Amino acid sequence: MLSISRLKYHIVDVFAQEKFTGNQVVVVECDHRLSVEHMQRIACEMNFPETSFIYTEVQNNGGYDVRIFTPTREVSFSGHPTLGTAFVINHFLNPGIQKEIRLNLTSGTVVINAENLGGKNSNDIISKSKPILTSGQKKPEFGHIFEPVLLSRVLGLDMEEMDQSSPIQAVTIGIGFVIVPVKSLKILKRVKINIERYNWLISRTDAKSILVFCRETENPMNHVHVRVFSDFYGIPEDTATGSGNGALAAYLAKYQCFGSSSVNIRVEQGYEVGRPSLILAQATVEGEDIEVSIGGRVVLIAQGEIL
């Protein structure tokens, strides 16, 4: 039997437009080291897309050591848990708006910029009174290009419904995603994963998640509509995917999908699973590199203790 002391936890919604939207993450404060088995069983019990464990003492290079788990496995990096964890640090462990928060992940150190941002446009949902967190992403890596017919079968679509103006390609920022463009929102909403073909595909590629997008949106203020499927990680459909949308932003900049090698977009996700989310994504091609950042609002939902 596992035995652990009381651990304080926080539930936050990341990339949220209001409470009970966006992507949920549990952030667990740890004043001592837990085994991988302890953390995995807690993450399975919570059963949220991800649970992060933050060691409350500042560690090397002025950062906090953080581990991230899905219900089924540990991941080396994920976008929305890093933002949610930074929010908890900023409000509870080291209160007050800070310029930078450093997180030491298993994949390396990530620096989170915490700022009060507000647009002059009164229609902008980001108000001056509500902080948003932005995170520079790890460098994107572009991998295998897939035949459209293969992904059409995985997604349950016809070949002519795939948008072939840009390639279907694996892109990795910490976690690998197969980026798939389709022609319309109506088509995107009809996507239904063929799990047998999905399992066949991911057994042959390092990218285990599929990100499908189109440039038609529910909200005319937004630029891209996204759905992400990650059965491999125990998440049949994700509500808001930071690392995935970072990969998408890099892809859109590389292929100049908006007519430029620099993009600054509002991405909507989660509508099909009842949790509308908004991710702010930027990417700029700089020589051989692509600089990527993502951002969004974080909302505290609940707090408690694991007994």
C-alpha atoms as a PDB file:
ATOM      1  CA  MET A   1       0.000   0.000   0.000  1.00  0.00           C
ATOM      2  CA  LEU A   2       1.242   3.464  -0.864  1.00  0.00           C
ATOM      3  CA  SER A   3       1.619   5.896   2.002  1.00  0.00           C
ATOM      4  CA  ILE A   4       1.987   9.636   1.467  1.00  0.00           C
ATOM      5  CA  SER A   5       1.698  12.677   3.683  1.00  0.00           C
ATOM      6  CA  ARG A   6      -0.903  15.353   3.019  1.00  0.00           C
ATOM      7  CA  LEU A   7      -0.272  17.200  -0.221  1.00  0.00           C
ATOM      8  CA  LYS A   8      -1.924  20.495  -1.126  1.00  0.00           C
ATOM      9  CA  TYR A   9      -3.327  20.712  -4.647  1.00  0.00           C
ATOM     10  CA  HIS A  10      -4.877  23.343  -6.894  1.00  0.00           C
ATOM     11  CA  ILE A  11      -7.214  22.800  -9.853  1.00  0.00           C
ATOM     12  CA  VAL A  12      -6.878  25.441 -12.565  1.00  0.00           C
ATOM     13  CA  ASP A  13      -8.368  25.906 -16.024  1.00  0.00           C
ATOM     14  CA  VAL A  14      -5.747  26.939 -18.578  1.00  0.00           C
ATOM     15  CA  PHE A  15      -6.491  28.743 -21.855  1.00  0.00           C
ATOM     16  CA  ALA A  16      -9.855  29.502 -20.291  1.00  0.00           C
ATOM     17  CA  GLN A  17     -12.219  32.263 -21.352  1.00  0.00           C
ATOM     18  CA  GLU A  18     -14.122  31.912 -18.073  1.00  0.00           C
ATOM     19  CA  LYS A  19     -14.526  29.339 -15.300  1.00  0.00           C
ATOM     20  CA  PHE A  20     -15.133  25.760 -16.429  1.00  0.00           C
ATOM     21  CA  THR A  21     -13.653  26.307 -19.882  1.00  0.00           C
ATOM     22  CA  GLY A  22     -10.142  25.663 -21.148  1.00  0.00           C
ATOM     23  CA  ASN A  23      -8.036  22.669 -20.141  1.00  0.00           C
ATOM     24  CA  GLN A  24      -7.958  21.389 -16.571  1.00  0.00           C
ATOM     25  CA  VAL A  25      -4.772  20.635 -14.703  1.00  0.00           C
ATOM     26  CA  VAL A  26      -4.145  19.605 -11.111  1.00  0.00           C
ATOM     27  CA  VAL A  27      -1.028  21.207  -9.613  1.00  0.00           C
ATOM     28  CA  VAL A  28       0.253  19.304  -6.572  1.00  0.00           C
ATOM     29  CA  GLU A  29       2.637  21.007  -4.127  1.00  0.00           C
ATOM     30  CA  CYS A  30       5.343  18.623  -2.898  1.00  0.00           C
ATOM     31  CA  ASP A  31       7.602  19.444   0.057  1.00  0.00           C
ATOM     32  CA  HIS A  32       9.457  16.137  -0.418  1.00  0.00           C
ATOM     33  CA  ARG A  33      10.299  13.819  -3.303  1.00  0.00           C
ATOM     34  CA  LEU A  34       7.678  11.338  -4.446  1.00  0.00           C
ATOM     35  CA  SER A  35       8.324   8.149  -6.375  1.00  0.00           C
ATOM     36  CA  VAL A  36       7.216   7.886  -9.989  1.00  0.00           C
ATOM     37  CA  GLU A  37       4.705   5.258  -8.854  1.00  0.00           C
ATOM     38  CA  HIS A  38       3.179   7.664  -6.298  1.00  0.00           C
ATOM     39  CA  MET A  39       2.870  10.447  -8.848  1.00  0.00           C
ATOM     40  CA  GLN A  40       1.414   8.194 -11.528  1.00  0.00           C
ATOM     41  CA  ARG A  41      -1.222   6.806  -9.176  1.00  0.00           C
ATOM     42  CA  ILE A  42      -2.223  10.290  -8.040  1.00  0.00           C
ATOM     43  CA  ALA A  43      -2.509  11.402 -11.683  1.00  0.00           C
ATOM     44  CA  CYS A  44      -4.643   8.335 -12.442  1.00  0.00           C
ATOM     45  CA  GLU A  45      -6.869   9.115  -9.442  1.00  0.00           C
ATOM     46  CA  MET A  46      -7.307  12.741 -10.520  1.00  0.00           C
ATOM     47  CA  ASN A  47      -7.982  11.565 -14.096  1.00  0.00           C
ATOM     48  CA  PHE A  48      -7.451  15.010 -15.608  1.00  0.00           C
ATOM     49  CA  PRO A  49      -5.565  15.376 -18.910  1.00  0.00           C
ATOM     50  CA  GLU A  50      -2.460  16.214 -16.883  1.00  0.00           C
ATOM     51  CA  THR A  51      -1.371  16.491 -13.264  1.00  0.00           C
ATOM     52  CA  SER A  52       1.805  18.400 -12.427  1.00  0.00           C
ATOM     53  CA  PHE A  53       3.923  17.937  -9.310  1.00  0.00           C
ATOM     54  CA  ILE A  54       5.914  20.963  -8.188  1.00  0.00           C
ATOM     55  CA  TYR A  55       8.683  20.740  -5.617  1.00  0.00           C
ATOM     56  CA  THR A  56       8.192  23.816  -3.480  1.00  0.00           C
ATOM     57  CA  GLU A  57      11.834  24.648  -2.775  1.00  0.00           C
ATOM     58  CA  VAL A  58      13.636  26.637  -5.452  1.00  0.00           C
ATOM     59  CA  GLN A  59      16.195  24.343  -7.086  1.00  0.00           C
ATOM     60  CA  ASN A  60      19.093  24.814  -9.483  1.00  0.00           C
ATOM     61  CA  ASN A  61      19.243  27.936 -11.707  1.00  0.00           C
ATOM     62  CA  GLY A  62      16.484  29.636  -9.715  1.00  0.00           C
ATOM     63  CA  GLY A  63      13.785  27.287 -10.978  1.00  0.00           C
ATOM     64  CA  TYR A  64      11.243  24.861  -9.531  1.00  0.00           C
ATOM     65  CA  ASP A  65      11.500  21.153 -10.328  1.00  0.00           C
ATOM     66  CA  VAL A  66       8.288  19.950 -11.997  1.00  0.00           C
ATOM     67  CA  ARG A  67       7.075  16.529 -13.193  1.00  0.00           C
ATOM     68  CA  ILE A  68       4.025  16.126 -15.456  1.00  0.00           C
ATOM     69  CA  PHE A  69       1.824  13.019 -15.753  1.00  0.00           C
ATOM     70  CA  THR A  70      -1.197  12.074 -17.840  1.00  0.00           C
ATOM     71  CA  PRO A  71      -3.519   9.392 -16.405  1.00  0.00           C
ATOM     72  CA  THR A  72      -1.365   6.733 -18.070  1.00  0.00           C
ATOM     73  CA  ARG A  73       2.235   7.997 -18.297  1.00  0.00           C
ATOM     74  CA  GLU A  74       4.777  10.720 -17.574  1.00  0.00           C
ATOM     75  CA  VAL A  75       5.473  13.326 -20.280  1.00  0.00           C
ATOM     76  CA  SER A  76       8.625  15.408 -20.557  1.00  0.00           C
ATOM     77  CA  PHE A  77       6.826  18.594 -21.595  1.00  0.00           C
ATOM     78  CA  SER A  78       3.281  19.861 -22.042  1.00  0.00           C
ATOM     79  CA  GLY A  79       2.022  23.378 -22.592  1.00  0.00           C
ATOM     80  CA  HIS A  80      -0.994  23.870 -20.388  1.00  0.00           C
ATOM     81  CA  PRO A  81       0.479  22.231 -17.229  1.00  0.00           C
ATOM     82  CA  THR A  82       3.508  24.543 -17.429  1.00  0.00           C
ATOM     83  CA  LEU A  83       1.263  27.605 -17.540  1.00  0.00           C
ATOM     84  CA  GLY A  84      -0.981  26.276 -14.770  1.00  0.00           C
ATOM     85  CA  THR A  85       2.026  25.477 -12.593  1.00  0.00           C
ATOM     86  CA  ALA A  86       3.485  28.958 -13.157  1.00  0.00           C
ATOM     87  CA  PHE A  87       0.133  30.434 -12.116  1.00  0.00           C
ATOM     88  CA  VAL A  88       0.236  28.512  -8.817  1.00  0.00           C
ATOM     89  CA  ILE A  89       3.808  29.660  -8.139  1.00  0.00           C
ATOM     90  CA  ASN A  90       2.890  33.246  -8.910  1.00  0.00           C
ATOM     91  CA  HIS A  91      -0.189  33.281  -6.671  1.00  0.00           C
ATOM     92  CA  PHE A  92       0.608  30.872  -3.834  1.00  0.00           C
ATOM     93  CA  LEU A  93       4.265  29.870  -3.551  1.00  0.00           C
ATOM     94  CA  ASN A  94       5.821  33.224  -4.428  1.00  0.00           C
ATOM     95  CA  PRO A  95       2.903  35.685  -4.608  1.00  0.00           C
ATOM     96  CA  GLY A  96       3.080  38.692  -6.875  1.00  0.00           C
ATOM     97  CA  ILE A  97       3.464  39.234 -10.578  1.00  0.00           C
ATOM     98  CA  GLN A  98       6.979  38.213 -11.585  1.00  0.00           C
ATOM     99  CA  LYS A  99       8.705  38.853 -14.863  1.00  0.00           C
ATOM    100  CA  GLU A 100       9.968  35.292 -15.172  1.00  0.00           C
ATOM    101  CA  ILE A 101       9.181  31.916 -13.622  1.00  0.00           C
ATOM    102  CA  ARG A 102      11.560  29.050 -14.337  1.00  0.00           C
ATOM    103  CA  LEU A 103      10.372  25.438 -14.412  1.00  0.00           C
ATOM    104  CA  ASN A 104      12.869  22.572 -14.502  1.00  0.00           C
ATOM    105  CA  LEU A 105      11.124  19.843 -16.508  1.00  0.00           C
ATOM    106  CA  THR A 106      12.568  16.464 -17.423  1.00  0.00           C
ATOM    107  CA  SER A 107      13.080  17.854 -20.945  1.00  0.00           C
ATOM    108  CA  GLY A 108      14.945  20.943 -19.704  1.00  0.00           C
ATOM    109  CA  THR A 109      14.224  24.357 -18.229  1.00  0.00           C
ATOM    110  CA  VAL A 110      11.244  26.375 -19.483  1.00  0.00           C
ATOM    111  CA  VAL A 111      10.959  30.094 -18.739  1.00  0.00           C
ATOM    112  CA  ILE A 112       7.411  31.434 -18.287  1.00  0.00           C
ATOM    113  CA  ASN A 113       6.779  35.143 -18.753  1.00  0.00           C
ATOM    114  CA  ALA A 114       4.019  36.376 -16.428  1.00  0.00           C
ATOM    115  CA  GLU A 115       2.608  39.709 -17.493  1.00  0.00           C
ATOM    116  CA  ASN A 116      -0.492  41.843 -17.238  1.00  0.00           C
ATOM    117  CA  LEU A 117      -1.521  42.179 -20.856  1.00  0.00           C
ATOM    118  CA  GLY A 118      -4.466  44.147 -22.156  1.00  0.00           C
ATOM    119  CA  GLY A 119      -5.508  45.227 -25.613  1.00  0.00           C
ATOM    120  CA  LYS A 120      -6.883  48.629 -26.440  1.00  0.00           C
ATOM    121  CA  ASN A 121      -9.609  46.931 -28.438  1.00  0.00           C
ATOM    122  CA  SER A 122     -12.693  46.699 -26.199  1.00  0.00           C
ATOM    123  CA  ASN A 123     -13.599  43.416 -27.883  1.00  0.00           C
ATOM    124  CA  ASP A 124     -10.361  41.792 -26.742  1.00  0.00           C
ATOM    125  CA  ILE A 125     -11.205  39.161 -24.135  1.00  0.00           C
ATOM    126  CA  ILE A 126      -7.898  39.769 -22.355  1.00  0.00           C
ATOM    127  CA  SER A 127      -8.609  42.675 -20.014  1.00  0.00           C
ATOM    128  CA  LYS A 128      -5.979  44.729 -18.212  1.00  0.00           C
ATOM    129  CA  SER A 129      -7.233  43.442 -14.862  1.00  0.00           C
ATOM    130  CA  LYS A 130      -6.735  39.755 -15.722  1.00  0.00           C
ATOM    131  CA  PRO A 131      -3.237  38.326 -16.053  1.00  0.00           C
ATOM    132  CA  ILE A 132      -2.275  36.072 -18.907  1.00  0.00           C
ATOM    133  CA  LEU A 133       0.768  33.871 -18.919  1.00  0.00           C
ATOM    134  CA  THR A 134       2.993  33.422 -21.942  1.00  0.00           C
ATOM    135  CA  SER A 135       5.514  30.650 -22.424  1.00  0.00           C
ATOM    136  CA  GLY A 136       8.374  30.415 -24.859  1.00  0.00           C
ATOM    137  CA  GLN A 137       8.321  26.955 -26.418  1.00  0.00           C
ATOM    138  CA  LYS A 138      11.083  24.458 -27.043  1.00  0.00           C
ATOM    139  CA  LYS A 139      12.540  24.541 -30.557  1.00  0.00           C
ATOM    140  CA  PRO A 140      10.226  22.869 -33.099  1.00  0.00           C
ATOM    141  CA  GLU A 141      11.434  19.853 -35.033  1.00  0.00           C
ATOM    142  CA  PHE A 142       9.818  18.994 -38.369  1.00  0.00           C
ATOM    143  CA  GLY A 143       9.598  15.299 -39.161  1.00  0.00           C
ATOM    144  CA  HIS A 144       7.964  12.872 -41.551  1.00  0.00           C
ATOM    145  CA  ILE A 145       5.482  14.035 -44.211  1.00  0.00           C
ATOM    146  CA  PHE A 146       2.488  11.694 -44.547  1.00  0.00           C
ATOM    147  CA  GLU A 147       0.325  10.785 -47.518  1.00  0.00           C
ATOM    148  CA  PRO A 148      -3.147  12.399 -47.237  1.00  0.00           C
ATOM    149  CA  VAL A 149      -4.874   9.076 -47.951  1.00  0.00           C
ATOM    150  CA  LEU A 150      -3.337   7.553 -44.812  1.00  0.00           C
ATOM    151  CA  LEU A 151      -4.602  10.279 -42.476  1.00  0.00           C
ATOM    152  CA  SER A 152      -7.994  10.471 -44.194  1.00  0.00           C
ATOM    153  CA  ARG A 153      -8.525   6.839 -43.205  1.00  0.00           C
ATOM    154  CA  VAL A 154      -7.408   7.446 -39.625  1.00  0.00           C
ATOM    155  CA  LEU A 155      -9.776  10.449 -39.350  1.00  0.00           C
ATOM    156  CA  GLY A 156     -12.753   8.852 -41.108  1.00  0.00           C
ATOM    157  CA  LEU A 157     -12.724  11.441 -43.919  1.00  0.00           C
ATOM    158  CA  ASP A 158     -12.693  11.344 -47.714  1.00  0.00           C
ATOM    159  CA  MET A 159      -9.513  12.246 -49.557  1.00  0.00           C
ATOM    160  CA  GLU A 160     -11.074  15.325 -51.180  1.00  0.00           C
ATOM    161  CA  GLU A 161     -11.860  16.751 -47.721  1.00  0.00           C
ATOM    162  CA  MET A 162      -8.150  17.062 -46.873  1.00  0.00           C
ATOM    163  CA  ASP A 163      -6.580  20.468 -47.520  1.00  0.00           C
ATOM    164  CA  GLN A 164      -3.500  19.687 -49.604  1.00  0.00           C
ATOM    165  CA  SER A 165      -2.275  23.289 -49.898  1.00  0.00           C
ATOM    166  CA  SER A 166       0.210  22.435 -47.111  1.00  0.00           C
ATOM    167  CA  PRO A 167       1.589  19.028 -46.080  1.00  0.00           C
ATOM    168  CA  ILE A 168       0.544  16.617 -43.372  1.00  0.00           C
ATOM    169  CA  GLN A 169       3.638  16.556 -41.192  1.00  0.00           C
ATOM    170  CA  ALA A 170       4.921  15.512 -37.790  1.00  0.00           C
ATOM    171  CA  VAL A 171       6.067  18.491 -35.707  1.00  0.00           C
ATOM    172  CA  THR A 172       7.580  18.137 -32.255  1.00  0.00           C
ATOM    173  CA  ILE A 173       7.870  20.701 -29.479  1.00  0.00           C
ATOM    174  CA  GLY A 174       8.535  18.473 -26.497  1.00  0.00           C
ATOM    175  CA  ILE A 175       5.705  16.199 -27.655  1.00  0.00           C
ATOM    176  CA  GLY A 176       5.157  15.141 -31.268  1.00  0.00           C
ATOM    177  CA  PHE A 177       1.989  15.965 -33.224  1.00  0.00           C
ATOM    178  CA  VAL A 178       0.885  14.967 -36.700  1.00  0.00           C
ATOM    179  CA  ILE A 179      -0.445  18.266 -38.119  1.00  0.00           C
ATOM    180  CA  VAL A 180      -3.368  17.739 -40.509  1.00  0.00           C
ATOM    181  CA  PRO A 181      -5.134  20.544 -42.433  1.00  0.00           C
ATOM    182  CA  VAL A 182      -8.735  20.039 -43.590  1.00  0.00           C
ATOM    183  CA  LYS A 183     -10.877  22.233 -45.803  1.00  0.00           C
ATOM    184  CA  SER A 184     -13.698  23.426 -43.548  1.00  0.00           C
ATOM    185  CA  LEU A 185     -15.148  23.561 -40.045  1.00  0.00           C
ATOM    186  CA  LYS A 186     -17.977  21.241 -41.072  1.00  0.00           C
ATOM    187  CA  ILE A 187     -15.440  18.632 -42.137  1.00  0.00           C
ATOM    188  CA  LEU A 188     -13.383  19.091 -38.982  1.00  0.00           C
ATOM    189  CA  LYS A 189     -16.444  18.534 -36.804  1.00  0.00           C
ATOM    190  CA  ARG A 190     -17.091  15.196 -38.547  1.00  0.00           C
ATOM    191  CA  VAL A 191     -13.682  13.755 -37.689  1.00  0.00           C
ATOM    192  CA  LYS A 192     -14.018  10.428 -35.900  1.00  0.00           C
ATOM    193  CA  ILE A 193     -10.845   8.533 -35.072  1.00  0.00           C
ATOM    194  CA  ASN A 194     -10.589   4.985 -36.374  1.00  0.00           C
ATOM    195  CA  ILE A 195      -8.782   3.612 -33.332  1.00  0.00           C
ATOM    196  CA  GLU A 196      -7.386   0.552 -35.143  1.00  0.00           C
ATOM    197  CA  ARG A 197      -5.821   2.708 -37.876  1.00  0.00           C
ATOM    198  CA  TYR A 198      -4.682   5.274 -35.268  1.00  0.00           C
ATOM    199  CA  ASN A 199      -2.855   2.590 -33.281  1.00  0.00           C
ATOM    200  CA  TRP A 200      -1.252   1.308 -36.487  1.00  0.00           C
ATOM    201  CA  LEU A 201      -0.073   4.828 -37.342  1.00  0.00           C
ATOM    202  CA  ILE A 202       1.420   5.755 -33.957  1.00  0.00           C
ATOM    203  CA  SER A 203       3.238   2.426 -33.739  1.00  0.00           C
ATOM    204  CA  ARG A 204       5.262   3.639 -36.729  1.00  0.00           C
ATOM    205  CA  THR A 205       5.946   7.252 -35.741  1.00  0.00           C
ATOM    206  CA  ASP A 206       7.349   9.126 -32.749  1.00  0.00           C
ATOM    207  CA  ALA A 207       4.411  11.568 -32.934  1.00  0.00           C
ATOM    208  CA  LYS A 208       1.572  10.015 -30.930  1.00  0.00           C
ATOM    209  CA  SER A 209      -1.029  12.806 -31.127  1.00  0.00           C
ATOM    210  CA  ILE A 210      -2.975  14.105 -34.138  1.00  0.00           C
ATOM    211  CA  LEU A 211      -3.808  17.808 -34.464  1.00  0.00           C
ATOM    212  CA  VAL A 212      -6.431  18.576 -37.115  1.00  0.00           C
ATOM    213  CA  PHE A 213      -7.146  22.195 -38.045  1.00  0.00           C
ATOM    214  CA  CYS A 214      -8.970  24.467 -40.444  1.00  0.00           C
ATOM    215  CA  ARG A 215      -9.047  28.230 -40.964  1.00  0.00           C
ATOM    216  CA  GLU A 216     -12.815  28.500 -40.572  1.00  0.00           C
ATOM    217  CA  THR A 217     -13.801  29.315 -36.970  1.00  0.00           C
ATOM    218  CA  GLU A 218     -16.784  29.430 -34.622  1.00  0.00           C
ATOM    219  CA  ASN A 219     -15.795  32.898 -33.384  1.00  0.00           C
ATOM    220  CA  PRO A 220     -14.984  35.361 -36.185  1.00  0.00           C
ATOM    221  CA  MET A 221     -12.345  37.008 -33.935  1.00  0.00           C
ATOM    222  CA  ASN A 222     -10.294  33.785 -34.031  1.00  0.00           C
ATOM    223  CA  HIS A 223      -8.045  32.533 -36.820  1.00  0.00           C
ATOM    224  CA  VAL A 224      -7.889  28.741 -36.535  1.00  0.00           C
ATOM    225  CA  HIS A 225     -10.135  25.958 -35.211  1.00  0.00           C
ATOM    226  CA  VAL A 226      -8.321  22.920 -33.796  1.00  0.00           C
ATOM    227  CA  ARG A 227      -9.062  19.422 -32.538  1.00  0.00           C
ATOM    228  CA  VAL A 228      -6.413  17.197 -30.921  1.00  0.00           C
ATOM    229  CA  PHE A 229      -6.640  13.421 -30.460  1.00  0.00           C
ATOM    230  CA  SER A 230      -4.238  11.702 -28.024  1.00  0.00           C
ATOM    231  CA  ASP A 231      -5.517   8.235 -27.145  1.00  0.00           C
ATOM    232  CA  PHE A 232      -1.924   7.119 -26.613  1.00  0.00           C
ATOM    233  CA  TYR A 233      -1.749   9.425 -23.565  1.00  0.00           C
ATOM    234  CA  GLY A 234      -5.198   8.431 -22.288  1.00  0.00           C
ATOM    235  CA  ILE A 235      -6.818  11.596 -23.741  1.00  0.00           C
ATOM    236  CA  PRO A 236      -9.259  10.712 -26.554  1.00  0.00           C
ATOM    237  CA  GLU A 237      -9.800  14.422 -27.347  1.00  0.00           C
ATOM    238  CA  ASP A 238      -7.938  17.267 -25.669  1.00  0.00           C
ATOM    239  CA  THR A 239      -9.680  20.530 -24.799  1.00  0.00           C
ATOM    240  CA  ALA A 240      -6.704  22.906 -25.193  1.00  0.00           C
ATOM    241  CA  THR A 241      -3.207  21.827 -26.173  1.00  0.00           C
ATOM    242  CA  GLY A 242      -0.334  24.229 -25.543  1.00  0.00           C
ATOM    243  CA  SER A 243       2.490  22.170 -27.022  1.00  0.00           C
ATOM    244  CA  GLY A 244       0.319  21.137 -29.977  1.00  0.00           C
ATOM    245  CA  ASN A 245      -0.669  24.687 -30.816  1.00  0.00           C
ATOM    246  CA  GLY A 246       2.951  25.762 -30.446  1.00  0.00           C
ATOM    247  CA  ALA A 247       3.777  23.119 -33.064  1.00  0.00           C
ATOM    248  CA  LEU A 248       0.896  24.371 -35.215  1.00  0.00           C
ATOM    249  CA  ALA A 249       2.115  27.980 -35.007  1.00  0.00           C
ATOM    250  CA  ALA A 250       5.592  26.859 -36.142  1.00  0.00           C
ATOM    251  CA  TYR A 251       4.014  24.924 -39.025  1.00  0.00           C
ATOM    252  CA  LEU A 252       1.873  27.902 -40.106  1.00  0.00           C
ATOM    253  CA  ALA A 253       4.922  30.174 -40.088  1.00  0.00           C
ATOM    254  CA  LYS A 254       7.153  27.693 -41.938  1.00  0.00           C
ATOM    255  CA  TYR A 255       4.635  27.179 -44.748  1.00  0.00           C
ATOM    256  CA  GLN A 256       3.438  30.815 -44.691  1.00  0.00           C
ATOM    257  CA  CYS A 257      -0.172  29.669 -44.394  1.00  0.00           C
ATOM    258  CA  PHE A 258      -1.205  33.229 -43.523  1.00  0.00           C
ATOM    259  CA  GLY A 259       0.987  34.758 -46.216  1.00  0.00           C
ATOM    260  CA  SER A 260       3.920  35.469 -43.902  1.00  0.00           C
ATOM    261  CA  SER A 261       6.755  33.691 -42.107  1.00  0.00           C
ATOM    262  CA  SER A 262       5.489  35.305 -38.886  1.00  0.00           C
ATOM    263  CA  VAL A 263       2.117  34.474 -37.322  1.00  0.00           C
ATOM    264  CA  ASN A 264       0.251  35.920 -34.334  1.00  0.00           C
ATOM    265  CA  ILE A 265      -3.017  34.039 -34.029  1.00  0.00           C
ATOM    266  CA  ARG A 266      -5.946  33.203 -31.790  1.00  0.00           C
ATOM    267  CA  VAL A 267      -6.654  29.480 -31.788  1.00  0.00           C
ATOM    268  CA  GLU A 268      -9.984  28.050 -30.660  1.00  0.00           C
ATOM    269  CA  GLN A 269     -10.238  24.472 -29.398  1.00  0.00           C
ATOM    270  CA  GLY A 270     -12.450  22.314 -27.175  1.00  0.00           C
ATOM    271  CA  TYR A 271     -15.827  23.290 -28.660  1.00  0.00           C
ATOM    272  CA  GLU A 272     -16.651  19.696 -29.613  1.00  0.00           C
ATOM    273  CA  VAL A 273     -16.170  18.490 -26.023  1.00  0.00           C
ATOM    274  CA  GLY A 274     -18.013  21.356 -24.321  1.00  0.00           C
ATOM    275  CA  ARG A 275     -14.973  23.293 -23.035  1.00  0.00           C
ATOM    276  CA  PRO A 276     -14.299  26.239 -25.381  1.00  0.00           C
ATOM    277  CA  SER A 277     -10.683  27.352 -25.121  1.00  0.00           C
ATOM    278  CA  LEU A 278      -8.562  30.175 -26.486  1.00  0.00           C
ATOM    279  CA  ILE A 279      -4.825  29.812 -27.111  1.00  0.00           C
ATOM    280  CA  LEU A 280      -2.738  32.802 -28.187  1.00  0.00           C
ATOM    281  CA  ALA A 281       0.096  31.553 -30.405  1.00  0.00           C
ATOM    282  CA  GLN A 282       2.996  33.329 -32.072  1.00  0.00           C
ATOM    283  CA  ALA A 283       5.782  32.037 -34.319  1.00  0.00           C
ATOM    284  CA  THR A 284       8.481  33.695 -36.390  1.00  0.00           C
ATOM    285  CA  VAL A 285      10.957  32.102 -38.773  1.00  0.00           C
ATOM    286  CA  GLU A 286      14.453  33.380 -38.001  1.00  0.00           C
ATOM    287  CA  GLY A 287      16.966  31.832 -40.385  1.00  0.00           C
ATOM    288  CA  GLU A 288      17.103  28.110 -39.645  1.00  0.00           C
ATOM    289  CA  ASP A 289      15.158  28.509 -36.390  1.00  0.00           C
ATOM    290  CA  ILE A 290      11.524  29.226 -35.555  1.00  0.00           C
ATOM    291  CA  GLU A 291      10.770  31.146 -32.371  1.00  0.00           C
ATOM    292  CA  VAL A 292       7.448  30.075 -30.833  1.00  0.00           C
ATOM    293  CA  SER A 293       5.406  31.237 -27.855  1.00  0.00           C
ATOM    294  CA  ILE A 294       1.955  30.441 -26.539  1.00  0.00           C
ATOM    295  CA  GLY A 295      -0.209  32.204 -23.995  1.00  0.00           C
ATOM    296  CA  GLY A 296      -3.591  32.225 -22.375  1.00  0.00           C
ATOM    297  CA  ARG A 297      -5.642  32.984 -19.311  1.00  0.00           C
ATOM    298  CA  VAL A 298      -5.509  30.778 -16.225  1.00  0.00           C
ATOM    299  CA  VAL A 299      -8.455  30.553 -13.808  1.00  0.00           C
ATOM    300  CA  LEU A 300      -8.356  28.988 -10.318  1.00  0.00           C
ATOM    301  CA  ILE A 301     -11.220  26.535  -9.796  1.00  0.00           C
ATOM    302  CA  ALA A 302     -10.584  24.598  -6.574  1.00  0.00           C
ATOM    303  CA  GLN A 303      -8.070  23.785  -3.854  1.00  0.00           C
ATOM    304  CA  GLY A 304      -7.713  20.913  -1.443  1.00  0.00           C
ATOM    305  CA  GLU A 305      -5.513  18.243   0.110  1.00  0.00           C
ATOM    306  CA  ILE A 306      -4.604  14.715  -0.868  1.00  0.00           C
ATOM    307  CA  LEU A 307      -4.872  12.835   2.420  1.00  0.00           C
END
